[in-house]
Structure formats: C-alpha cells, structure tokens
Amino acid sequence: MARFETQHIEELLGEYWDIAYSEASKGESRGDDAQEVLSAINWAIEKLIAERDHWKANHADMVKRAGLLSQRDDLPVDRLPAYREMEALQRAVQAKQAEIDRLMLEFCPGEMTAEQMAEWERHQRRVPE
C-alpha cells in the first residue's frame, strides 16, 4: 500500500511540475489545477500517516500481548508465532515511518514536529566517500 501511495505522490508531483512549467512558459494561470494536485498530494500523505498510525496501534497491541505471554513460564517467548509477528510489525512500522518522514521532509518540512525531525536525524547514516 505504501509503495503505491509513494508512486502516486511521485506522479502527482510530476503533474504539479508540469503545471508550474506550463504557467512559466505559456504565461497562463493554472492555480486551480495546481491547488487540486497539491490537495491530492496532501491527501495521499495523510493516508500514509493514517496507515502508519494503524500499524503503530497494532504494534502496541502485539507488544502488550508478548509482554503477557512472556510472563508465562510454560511458553518460551522466542518460539511464539505472536512474537515473530510482532517483530515483523515493528519492521513494517519503522519502514512506513521512514517513508512518511522522507516525504514530509521533501514536501512539507515546516509541518514536521521536532520529534519527527529528531527521529529522521537519528536514522541517517554517513555515506562513505
């Protein structure tokens, strides 16, 4: 789902830049078209955020379940399917958050919270020269 949304956002950005180029080269005003595309981009980003929030809630639930299961002496947590599922959900949430942060940083950096910016910065890695 996130991959589709990312591709959709990239297509919308291409459309937005086509509009901007058209306005600049032909001198015609296409503000309504541009606003419509920007609204579609905003909607797609909000959809990604909602999906991320959904997975975060699932993650919290799985952590709670694993915590309860880990208290049982008769069930080794590392062998439980729920624990493996929780780990997969954690990776999914992290990937979605990284995608959302990347998109927000690129398209609306002013709307990022300090927490989002710190999270993004924490995951940056130095590229060897």
N, C-alpha and C. Protein backbone atom coordinates (compact mmCIF):
# COMPACT_ATOMS: atom_id res chain seq x y z
N MET A 1 0.82 -1.19 0.00
CA MET A 1 0.00 0.00 0.00
C MET A 1 0.87 1.26 0.00
N ALA A 2 1.87 1.29 0.88
CA ALA A 2 2.72 2.48 0.96
C ALA A 2 3.48 2.69 -0.35
N ARG A 3 3.91 1.60 -0.98
CA ARG A 3 4.63 1.72 -2.24
C ARG A 3 3.74 2.36 -3.30
N PHE A 4 2.46 1.94 -3.35
CA PHE A 4 1.51 2.53 -4.29
C PHE A 4 1.34 4.01 -4.01
N GLU A 5 1.16 4.36 -2.74
CA GLU A 5 0.97 5.76 -2.38
C GLU A 5 2.20 6.59 -2.74
N THR A 6 3.38 6.05 -2.53
CA THR A 6 4.60 6.76 -2.86
C THR A 6 4.67 7.01 -4.36
N GLN A 7 4.36 5.98 -5.15
CA GLN A 7 4.37 6.14 -6.60
C GLN A 7 3.32 7.17 -7.01
N HIS A 8 2.16 7.11 -6.37
CA HIS A 8 1.09 8.05 -6.68
C HIS A 8 1.53 9.48 -6.38
N ILE A 9 2.18 9.68 -5.25
CA ILE A 9 2.67 11.01 -4.88
C ILE A 9 3.70 11.50 -5.90
N GLU A 10 4.59 10.61 -6.31
CA GLU A 10 5.59 10.99 -7.30
C GLU A 10 4.95 11.37 -8.63
N GLU A 11 3.89 10.65 -9.03
CA GLU A 11 3.16 11.00 -10.26
C GLU A 11 2.49 12.37 -10.11
N LEU A 12 1.89 12.60 -8.93
CA LEU A 12 1.25 13.89 -8.69
C LEU A 12 2.26 15.03 -8.72
N LEU A 13 3.45 14.77 -8.17
CA LEU A 13 4.49 15.80 -8.21
C LEU A 13 4.91 16.11 -9.64
N GLY A 14 5.01 15.08 -10.45
CA GLY A 14 5.31 15.30 -11.86
C GLY A 14 4.25 16.16 -12.52
N GLU A 15 3.00 15.87 -12.18
CA GLU A 15 1.89 16.66 -12.73
C GLU A 15 1.97 18.11 -12.23
N TYR A 16 2.31 18.28 -10.95
CA TYR A 16 2.42 19.62 -10.39
C TYR A 16 3.51 20.41 -11.12
N TRP A 17 4.67 19.77 -11.35
CA TRP A 17 5.76 20.47 -12.03
C TRP A 17 5.42 20.76 -13.48
N ASP A 18 4.64 19.90 -14.11
CA ASP A 18 4.17 20.17 -15.48
C ASP A 18 3.30 21.43 -15.49
N ILE A 19 2.45 21.56 -14.48
CA ILE A 19 1.59 22.75 -14.37
C ILE A 19 2.46 23.99 -14.17
N ALA A 20 3.43 23.89 -13.26
CA ALA A 20 4.30 25.04 -12.98
C ALA A 20 5.09 25.44 -14.23
N TYR A 21 5.60 24.45 -14.95
CA TYR A 21 6.34 24.74 -16.18
C TYR A 21 5.42 25.38 -17.22
N SER A 22 4.21 24.86 -17.33
CA SER A 22 3.24 25.39 -18.27
C SER A 22 2.92 26.86 -17.96
N GLU A 23 2.74 27.15 -16.67
CA GLU A 23 2.46 28.53 -16.27
C GLU A 23 3.63 29.44 -16.64
N ALA A 24 4.84 28.97 -16.38
CA ALA A 24 6.02 29.79 -16.63
C ALA A 24 6.28 29.99 -18.12
N SER A 25 6.11 28.94 -18.89
CA SER A 25 6.46 29.03 -20.31
C SER A 25 5.36 29.65 -21.16
N LYS A 26 4.10 29.44 -20.79
CA LYS A 26 2.99 29.95 -21.61
C LYS A 26 2.34 31.18 -21.00
N GLY A 27 2.70 31.49 -19.77
CA GLY A 27 2.13 32.66 -19.12
C GLY A 27 0.67 32.51 -18.74
N GLU A 28 0.18 31.29 -18.71
CA GLU A 28 -1.22 31.06 -18.34
C GLU A 28 -1.32 30.68 -16.87
N SER A 29 -2.37 31.15 -16.24
CA SER A 29 -2.58 30.86 -14.83
C SER A 29 -3.32 29.53 -14.67
N ARG A 30 -2.69 28.62 -13.92
CA ARG A 30 -3.30 27.32 -13.67
C ARG A 30 -3.31 27.04 -12.18
N GLY A 31 -3.55 28.08 -11.40
CA GLY A 31 -3.55 27.96 -9.94
C GLY A 31 -4.53 26.95 -9.42
N ASP A 32 -5.73 26.88 -10.02
CA ASP A 32 -6.72 25.91 -9.57
C ASP A 32 -6.23 24.48 -9.80
N ASP A 33 -5.60 24.25 -10.95
CA ASP A 33 -5.06 22.91 -11.23
C ASP A 33 -3.96 22.56 -10.23
N ALA A 34 -3.10 23.53 -9.97
CA ALA A 34 -2.00 23.29 -9.03
C ALA A 34 -2.55 23.01 -7.63
N GLN A 35 -3.55 23.77 -7.22
CA GLN A 35 -4.14 23.56 -5.90
C GLN A 35 -4.78 22.17 -5.80
N GLU A 36 -5.41 21.74 -6.87
CA GLU A 36 -6.03 20.41 -6.88
C GLU A 36 -4.97 19.31 -6.73
N VAL A 37 -3.86 19.46 -7.42
CA VAL A 37 -2.78 18.48 -7.32
C VAL A 37 -2.17 18.50 -5.91
N LEU A 38 -1.95 19.70 -5.37
CA LEU A 38 -1.39 19.79 -4.02
C LEU A 38 -2.34 19.17 -2.99
N SER A 39 -3.64 19.35 -3.18
CA SER A 39 -4.61 18.72 -2.28
C SER A 39 -4.54 17.20 -2.38
N ALA A 40 -4.36 16.68 -3.59
CA ALA A 40 -4.23 15.24 -3.77
C ALA A 40 -2.96 14.71 -3.10
N ILE A 41 -1.87 15.47 -3.19
CA ILE A 41 -0.62 15.09 -2.53
C ILE A 41 -0.83 15.06 -1.02
N ASN A 42 -1.46 16.10 -0.50
CA ASN A 42 -1.74 16.18 0.94
C ASN A 42 -2.60 15.00 1.39
N TRP A 43 -3.61 14.66 0.60
CA TRP A 43 -4.49 13.54 0.93
C TRP A 43 -3.70 12.24 0.96
N ALA A 44 -2.80 12.03 -0.01
CA ALA A 44 -2.00 10.81 -0.06
C ALA A 44 -1.08 10.72 1.15
N ILE A 45 -0.49 11.85 1.55
CA ILE A 45 0.37 11.85 2.73
C ILE A 45 -0.44 11.55 3.98
N GLU A 46 -1.63 12.14 4.09
CA GLU A 46 -2.50 11.86 5.24
C GLU A 46 -2.88 10.39 5.28
N LYS A 47 -3.09 9.80 4.12
CA LYS A 47 -3.42 8.38 4.05
C LYS A 47 -2.25 7.54 4.56
N LEU A 48 -1.03 7.91 4.19
CA LEU A 48 0.16 7.20 4.69
C LEU A 48 0.28 7.36 6.20
N ILE A 49 0.01 8.54 6.70
CA ILE A 49 0.07 8.78 8.14
C ILE A 49 -0.96 7.92 8.86
N ALA A 50 -2.17 7.84 8.32
CA ALA A 50 -3.22 7.02 8.92
C ALA A 50 -2.81 5.55 8.92
N GLU A 51 -2.20 5.10 7.83
CA GLU A 51 -1.75 3.71 7.76
C GLU A 51 -0.64 3.47 8.78
N ARG A 52 0.27 4.43 8.90
CA ARG A 52 1.32 4.30 9.91
C ARG A 52 0.73 4.22 11.31
N ASP A 53 -0.26 5.07 11.60
CA ASP A 53 -0.90 5.06 12.92
C ASP A 53 -1.59 3.72 13.19
N HIS A 54 -2.19 3.16 12.13
CA HIS A 54 -2.84 1.85 12.27
C HIS A 54 -1.81 0.79 12.66
N TRP A 55 -0.66 0.82 11.99
CA TRP A 55 0.37 -0.18 12.28
C TRP A 55 1.01 0.07 13.64
N LYS A 56 1.09 1.32 14.05
CA LYS A 56 1.61 1.62 15.39
C LYS A 56 0.68 1.04 16.45
N ALA A 57 -0.63 1.18 16.24
CA ALA A 57 -1.60 0.62 17.20
C ALA A 57 -1.47 -0.90 17.23
N ASN A 58 -1.34 -1.52 16.06
CA ASN A 58 -1.14 -2.97 16.02
C ASN A 58 0.13 -3.36 16.76
N HIS A 59 1.16 -2.56 16.55
CA HIS A 59 2.44 -2.83 17.21
C HIS A 59 2.28 -2.77 18.74
N ALA A 60 1.62 -1.73 19.22
CA ALA A 60 1.43 -1.59 20.67
C ALA A 60 0.66 -2.79 21.23
N ASP A 61 -0.34 -3.23 20.48
CA ASP A 61 -1.13 -4.39 20.91
C ASP A 61 -0.26 -5.64 20.96
N MET A 62 0.57 -5.82 19.95
CA MET A 62 1.43 -7.00 19.92
C MET A 62 2.47 -6.96 21.04
N VAL A 63 2.99 -5.80 21.35
CA VAL A 63 3.94 -5.67 22.46
C VAL A 63 3.26 -6.06 23.76
N LYS A 64 2.03 -5.59 23.92
CA LYS A 64 1.28 -5.93 25.13
C LYS A 64 1.05 -7.43 25.23
N ARG A 65 0.66 -8.03 24.10
CA ARG A 65 0.44 -9.49 24.10
C ARG A 65 1.72 -10.24 24.42
N ALA A 66 2.80 -9.83 23.78
CA ALA A 66 4.08 -10.51 24.02
C ALA A 66 4.49 -10.36 25.48
N GLY A 67 4.22 -9.18 26.05
CA GLY A 67 4.54 -8.98 27.46
C GLY A 67 3.77 -9.92 28.36
N LEU A 68 2.49 -10.09 28.04
CA LEU A 68 1.68 -11.02 28.84
C LEU A 68 2.14 -12.46 28.66
N LEU A 69 2.45 -12.81 27.42
CA LEU A 69 2.90 -14.17 27.16
C LEU A 69 4.26 -14.45 27.78
N SER A 70 5.10 -13.43 27.83
CA SER A 70 6.44 -13.64 28.38
C SER A 70 6.40 -13.90 29.89
N GLN A 71 5.31 -13.53 30.52
CA GLN A 71 5.19 -13.77 31.96
C GLN A 71 4.82 -15.21 32.28
N ARG A 72 4.43 -15.94 31.27
CA ARG A 72 4.08 -17.35 31.48
C ARG A 72 5.33 -18.20 31.40
N ASP A 73 5.54 -19.01 32.40
CA ASP A 73 6.72 -19.86 32.44
C ASP A 73 6.64 -21.02 31.45
N ASP A 74 5.42 -21.37 31.04
CA ASP A 74 5.26 -22.54 30.17
C ASP A 74 5.38 -22.21 28.68
N LEU A 75 5.55 -20.94 28.32
CA LEU A 75 5.66 -20.55 26.92
C LEU A 75 6.93 -19.73 26.69
N PRO A 76 7.93 -20.31 26.03
CA PRO A 76 9.12 -19.51 25.73
C PRO A 76 8.79 -18.48 24.64
N VAL A 77 8.97 -17.21 24.95
CA VAL A 77 8.54 -16.12 24.07
C VAL A 77 9.20 -16.19 22.70
N ASP A 78 10.47 -16.53 22.64
CA ASP A 78 11.17 -16.52 21.36
C ASP A 78 10.65 -17.56 20.39
N ARG A 79 9.83 -18.49 20.84
CA ARG A 79 9.29 -19.51 19.94
C ARG A 79 7.82 -19.28 19.61
N LEU A 80 7.27 -18.23 20.07
CA LEU A 80 5.85 -17.96 19.83
C LEU A 80 5.65 -17.29 18.48
N PRO A 81 4.67 -17.72 17.71
CA PRO A 81 4.37 -17.03 16.44
C PRO A 81 4.00 -15.56 16.67
N ALA A 82 3.36 -15.27 17.77
CA ALA A 82 2.97 -13.88 18.06
C ALA A 82 4.20 -12.99 18.19
N TYR A 83 5.26 -13.52 18.74
CA TYR A 83 6.47 -12.74 18.90
C TYR A 83 7.11 -12.44 17.54
N ARG A 84 7.13 -13.45 16.67
CA ARG A 84 7.67 -13.24 15.33
C ARG A 84 6.80 -12.24 14.57
N GLU A 85 5.50 -12.33 14.74
CA GLU A 85 4.59 -11.38 14.09
C GLU A 85 4.83 -9.97 14.61
N MET A 86 5.05 -9.86 15.91
CA MET A 86 5.32 -8.55 16.50
C MET A 86 6.60 -7.95 15.91
N GLU A 87 7.62 -8.77 15.75
CA GLU A 87 8.86 -8.28 15.17
C GLU A 87 8.64 -7.81 13.73
N ALA A 88 7.84 -8.56 12.97
CA ALA A 88 7.53 -8.17 11.59
C ALA A 88 6.76 -6.86 11.57
N LEU A 89 5.82 -6.70 12.50
CA LEU A 89 5.06 -5.46 12.57
C LEU A 89 5.95 -4.28 12.96
N GLN A 90 6.90 -4.51 13.84
CA GLN A 90 7.83 -3.45 14.21
C GLN A 90 8.62 -2.98 12.99
N ARG A 91 9.08 -3.92 12.19
CA ARG A 91 9.82 -3.55 10.99
C ARG A 91 8.91 -2.80 10.01
N ALA A 92 7.65 -3.23 9.88
CA ALA A 92 6.71 -2.56 8.98
C ALA A 92 6.45 -1.13 9.43
N VAL A 93 6.26 -0.95 10.73
CA VAL A 93 6.02 0.40 11.27
C VAL A 93 7.23 1.29 11.03
N GLN A 94 8.42 0.76 11.25
CA GLN A 94 9.63 1.55 11.04
C GLN A 94 9.79 1.94 9.57
N ALA A 95 9.48 1.02 8.68
CA ALA A 95 9.60 1.32 7.25
C ALA A 95 8.59 2.38 6.83
N LYS A 96 7.36 2.28 7.33
CA LYS A 96 6.32 3.25 6.99
C LYS A 96 6.69 4.63 7.56
N GLN A 97 7.20 4.65 8.77
CA GLN A 97 7.58 5.92 9.38
C GLN A 97 8.72 6.56 8.60
N ALA A 98 9.67 5.77 8.17
CA ALA A 98 10.78 6.30 7.38
C ALA A 98 10.27 6.90 6.07
N GLU A 99 9.33 6.22 5.44
CA GLU A 99 8.77 6.73 4.18
C GLU A 99 8.01 8.03 4.41
N ILE A 100 7.22 8.09 5.46
CA ILE A 100 6.46 9.30 5.78
C ILE A 100 7.41 10.45 6.09
N ASP A 101 8.43 10.17 6.90
CA ASP A 101 9.40 11.22 7.23
C ASP A 101 10.10 11.74 5.99
N ARG A 102 10.48 10.82 5.07
CA ARG A 102 11.14 11.23 3.84
C ARG A 102 10.24 12.13 3.01
N LEU A 103 8.97 11.74 2.89
CA LEU A 103 8.03 12.53 2.10
C LEU A 103 7.76 13.89 2.75
N MET A 104 7.59 13.88 4.05
CA MET A 104 7.33 15.15 4.74
C MET A 104 8.53 16.08 4.64
N LEU A 105 9.73 15.52 4.80
CA LEU A 105 10.93 16.34 4.72
C LEU A 105 11.07 16.95 3.33
N GLU A 106 10.68 16.19 2.32
CA GLU A 106 10.81 16.67 0.95
C GLU A 106 9.73 17.68 0.59
N PHE A 107 8.48 17.44 1.01
CA PHE A 107 7.37 18.24 0.52
C PHE A 107 6.77 19.23 1.53
N CYS A 108 6.91 18.96 2.81
CA CYS A 108 6.35 19.90 3.79
C CYS A 108 7.20 19.87 5.07
N PRO A 109 8.48 20.25 4.97
CA PRO A 109 9.36 20.17 6.14
C PRO A 109 8.91 21.07 7.29
N GLY A 110 8.23 22.14 6.98
CA GLY A 110 7.76 23.04 8.02
C GLY A 110 6.68 22.44 8.91
N GLU A 111 6.04 21.37 8.44
CA GLU A 111 4.97 20.73 9.21
C GLU A 111 5.48 19.58 10.07
N MET A 112 6.78 19.28 9.98
CA MET A 112 7.33 18.19 10.79
C MET A 112 7.51 18.66 12.23
N THR A 113 7.14 17.79 13.16
CA THR A 113 7.34 18.11 14.57
C THR A 113 8.80 17.90 14.91
N ALA A 114 9.21 18.45 16.04
CA ALA A 114 10.59 18.27 16.49
C ALA A 114 10.88 16.78 16.69
N GLU A 115 9.89 16.04 17.18
CA GLU A 115 10.06 14.60 17.39
C GLU A 115 10.29 13.88 16.06
N GLN A 116 9.50 14.24 15.04
CA GLN A 116 9.67 13.61 13.73
C GLN A 116 11.05 13.94 13.15
N MET A 117 11.48 15.18 13.29
CA MET A 117 12.78 15.59 12.76
C MET A 117 13.90 14.85 13.49
N ALA A 118 13.77 14.73 14.81
CA ALA A 118 14.80 14.02 15.59
C ALA A 118 14.84 12.54 15.19
N GLU A 119 13.69 11.94 14.98
CA GLU A 119 13.62 10.54 14.56
C GLU A 119 14.28 10.37 13.20
N TRP A 120 13.98 11.27 12.28
CA TRP A 120 14.59 11.21 10.96
C TRP A 120 16.11 11.33 11.07
N GLU A 121 16.57 12.31 11.85
CA GLU A 121 18.01 12.53 12.00
C GLU A 121 18.70 11.32 12.63
N ARG A 122 18.01 10.67 13.56
CA ARG A 122 18.59 9.52 14.26
C ARG A 122 18.87 8.36 13.31
N HIS A 123 18.11 8.26 12.23
CA HIS A 123 18.26 7.14 11.31
C HIS A 123 19.16 7.46 10.11
N GLN A 124 19.74 8.63 10.09
CA GLN A 124 20.63 8.98 8.98
C GLN A 124 21.98 8.31 9.19
N ARG A 125 22.56 7.84 8.11
CA ARG A 125 23.86 7.17 8.17
C ARG A 125 24.83 7.90 7.24
N ARG A 126 26.06 7.98 7.66
CA ARG A 126 27.08 8.63 6.84
C ARG A 126 27.41 7.70 5.67
N VAL A 127 27.46 8.29 4.48
CA VAL A 127 27.80 7.53 3.28
C VAL A 127 29.29 7.64 3.05
N PRO A 128 29.98 6.50 2.95
CA PRO A 128 31.43 6.57 2.74
C PRO A 128 31.74 7.25 1.41
N GLU A 129 32.78 8.04 1.41
CA GLU A 129 33.17 8.77 0.21
C GLU A 129 34.06 7.95 -0.68
